[in-house]
Amino acid sequence: MPAPMVADEVRQACRIHARLLDAFIALTEQELAQLAPGFAEESLMESLEKMRAARKSYGALGGVVALEVVASNAA
């Protein structure tokens, strides 16, 4: 099935949303790393889950895909 056509201005808006979500996800992850287990941690984890789902949607519409880089010691 062919992909639906997306207007350039919609694609551009999606890219902006995706970029902002990337930044906010990174900030949230930094904050989360400093928290002890508890309500605040659980709340941020739920927020991250929602932001990552939104990021995937915006990335797909904007033609931008987030890549998770994983370091490897393989030679």
Protein backbone atom coordinates (compact mmCIF):
# COMPACT_ATOMS: atom_id res chain seq x y z
CA MET A 1 0.00 0.00 0.00
CA PRO A 2 1.46 3.39 -0.96
CA ALA A 3 2.28 5.89 1.78
CA PRO A 4 -0.13 8.83 2.13
CA MET A 5 1.00 12.22 0.83
CA VAL A 6 1.96 14.66 3.59
CA ALA A 7 2.11 18.39 2.90
CA ASP A 8 5.54 20.00 3.28
CA GLU A 9 4.37 22.36 6.03
CA VAL A 10 2.91 19.43 7.97
CA ARG A 11 6.15 17.49 7.52
CA GLN A 12 8.13 20.53 8.71
CA ALA A 13 5.90 20.95 11.78
CA CYS A 14 6.34 17.25 12.59
CA ARG A 15 10.10 17.62 12.40
CA ILE A 16 9.98 20.56 14.82
CA HIS A 17 7.77 18.61 17.23
CA ALA A 18 10.09 15.58 16.98
CA ARG A 19 13.18 17.71 17.65
CA LEU A 20 11.57 19.37 20.68
CA LEU A 21 10.42 16.01 22.01
CA ASP A 22 13.95 14.65 21.60
CA ALA A 23 15.27 17.51 23.73
CA PHE A 24 12.57 17.14 26.37
CA ILE A 25 13.07 13.36 26.49
CA ALA A 26 16.80 13.91 27.10
CA LEU A 27 16.10 16.42 29.89
CA THR A 28 13.59 14.08 31.48
CA GLU A 29 16.06 11.18 31.35
CA GLN A 30 18.69 13.35 33.06
CA GLU A 31 16.24 14.30 35.80
CA LEU A 32 15.14 10.70 36.18
CA ALA A 33 18.73 9.53 36.68
CA GLN A 34 18.95 11.72 39.78
CA LEU A 35 15.77 10.46 41.45
CA ALA A 36 15.36 7.79 44.07
CA PRO A 37 12.65 5.18 43.48
CA GLY A 38 9.19 6.50 44.27
CA PHE A 39 6.25 8.43 42.92
CA ALA A 40 8.27 11.06 41.03
CA GLU A 41 10.30 8.35 39.31
CA GLU A 42 7.17 6.45 38.28
CA SER A 43 5.54 9.64 37.05
CA LEU A 44 8.54 10.54 34.89
CA MET A 45 8.73 7.00 33.52
CA GLU A 46 5.08 7.27 32.42
CA SER A 47 5.77 10.67 30.87
CA LEU A 48 8.76 9.27 28.99
CA GLU A 49 6.64 6.45 27.63
CA LYS A 50 4.07 8.92 26.30
CA MET A 51 6.70 11.26 24.87
CA ARG A 52 8.49 8.40 23.09
CA ALA A 53 5.21 7.25 21.54
CA ALA A 54 4.47 10.81 20.38
CA ARG A 55 8.03 11.09 19.05
CA LYS A 56 7.56 7.98 16.94
CA SER A 57 4.35 9.40 15.47
CA TYR A 58 5.87 12.78 14.65
CA GLY A 59 9.00 11.12 13.31
CA ALA A 60 7.01 8.88 11.00
CA LEU A 61 4.95 11.77 9.61
CA GLY A 62 7.95 14.08 9.32
CA GLY A 63 10.15 11.49 7.68
CA VAL A 64 12.49 11.52 10.68
CA VAL A 65 13.35 8.35 12.53
CA ALA A 66 15.15 8.37 15.88
CA LEU A 67 18.05 5.99 16.11
CA GLU A 68 19.21 4.59 19.39
CA VAL A 69 22.97 4.27 19.34
CA VAL A 70 24.31 1.35 21.32
CA ALA A 71 28.04 1.05 21.89
CA SER A 72 29.56 -2.31 21.17
CA ASN A 73 32.87 -3.84 22.17
CA ALA A 74 32.76 -6.28 19.27
CA ALA A 75 35.86 -6.23 17.14
